[in-house]
Protein backbone atom coordinates (compact mmCIF):
# COMPACT_ATOMS: atom_id res chain seq x y z
CA UNK A 1 14.14 17.06 98.84
CA UNK A 2 12.09 15.39 96.14
CA UNK A 3 11.34 12.30 98.25
CA UNK A 4 9.85 14.45 101.02
CA UNK A 5 7.54 16.14 98.53
CA UNK A 6 6.34 12.82 97.14
CA UNK A 7 5.74 11.45 100.64
CA UNK A 8 3.92 14.67 101.58
CA UNK A 9 1.64 14.42 98.55
CA UNK A 10 0.86 10.79 99.35
CA UNK A 11 0.02 11.71 102.94
CA UNK A 12 -2.27 14.54 101.78
CA UNK A 13 -4.00 12.21 99.33
CA UNK A 14 -4.54 9.55 102.02
CA UNK A 15 -5.92 12.10 104.48
CA UNK A 16 -8.31 13.43 101.82
CA UNK A 17 -9.40 9.91 100.96
CA UNK A 18 -10.01 9.10 104.66
CA UNK A 19 -12.12 12.25 105.10
CA UNK A 20 -14.24 11.34 102.07
CA UNK A 21 -14.72 7.78 103.32
CA UNK A 22 -15.85 8.98 106.75
CA UNK A 23 -18.28 11.45 105.19
CA UNK A 24 -19.66 8.70 102.95
CA UNK A 25 -20.24 6.39 105.93
CA UNK A 26 -21.65 9.12 108.22
CA UNK A 27 -24.09 10.87 105.87
CA UNK A 28 -27.16 8.92 104.77
CA UNK A 29 -28.10 9.09 101.10
CA UNK A 30 -31.66 8.90 99.81
CA UNK A 31 -32.99 9.60 96.34
CA UNK A 32 -35.25 12.60 95.94
CA UNK A 33 -38.83 12.07 94.70
CA UNK A 34 -37.93 13.99 91.54
CA UNK A 35 -35.27 11.40 90.75
CA UNK A 36 -37.83 8.61 91.12
CA UNK A 37 -39.99 10.35 88.50
CA UNK A 38 -36.97 10.44 86.19
CA UNK A 39 -36.41 6.70 86.63
CA UNK A 40 -40.07 6.02 85.81
CA UNK A 41 -39.74 8.09 82.62
CA UNK A 42 -36.55 6.21 81.73
CA UNK A 43 -38.32 2.88 82.19
CA UNK A 44 -41.19 4.02 79.95
CA UNK A 45 -38.78 5.00 77.17
CA UNK A 46 -36.89 1.75 77.59
CA UNK A 47 -40.08 -0.29 77.25
CA UNK A 48 -41.14 1.77 74.22
CA UNK A 49 -37.85 0.83 72.51
CA UNK A 50 -38.27 -2.87 73.20
CA UNK A 51 -36.00 -2.78 76.30
CA UNK A 52 -33.10 -1.67 74.11
CA UNK A 53 -30.98 1.26 75.27
CA UNK A 54 -29.70 3.31 72.34
CA UNK A 55 -25.97 3.48 71.75
CA UNK A 56 -24.17 6.58 70.49
CA UNK A 57 -24.41 5.57 66.82
CA UNK A 58 -28.17 5.10 67.04
CA UNK A 59 -28.58 8.43 68.81
CA UNK A 60 -26.47 10.28 66.24
CA UNK A 61 -28.40 8.69 63.36
CA UNK A 62 -31.54 10.52 64.55
CA UNK A 63 -29.86 13.59 66.00
CA UNK A 64 -29.79 16.93 64.28
CA UNK A 65 -26.92 19.30 64.93
CA UNK A 66 -27.79 21.77 62.19
CA UNK A 67 -29.43 24.35 64.47
CA UNK A 68 -32.06 26.42 62.68
CA UNK A 69 -31.19 24.74 59.38
CA UNK A 70 -32.63 21.50 60.77
CA UNK A 71 -36.16 22.97 60.53
CA UNK A 72 -37.56 23.19 57.06
CA UNK A 73 -38.85 26.70 56.37
CA UNK A 74 -42.17 25.31 55.11
CA UNK A 75 -42.68 23.51 58.44
CA UNK A 76 -42.10 26.70 60.39
CA UNK A 77 -45.17 28.45 59.05
């Protein structure tokens, strides 16, 4: 009983994988013009940082997660 279930699940997984592979091969993929603008912006930021992509520690060092408390009340006026 259990072996038939395992074999059935493997067959279902292989059929799903085959369907996805055929869809990947049959449908052409092209980037939208909006995505190209995003890549240009990314390249500008990368060049501004000396071609150094920030890691999570560098991002968190300059990140504020304090919500409204992050804005000084004297700056708000």
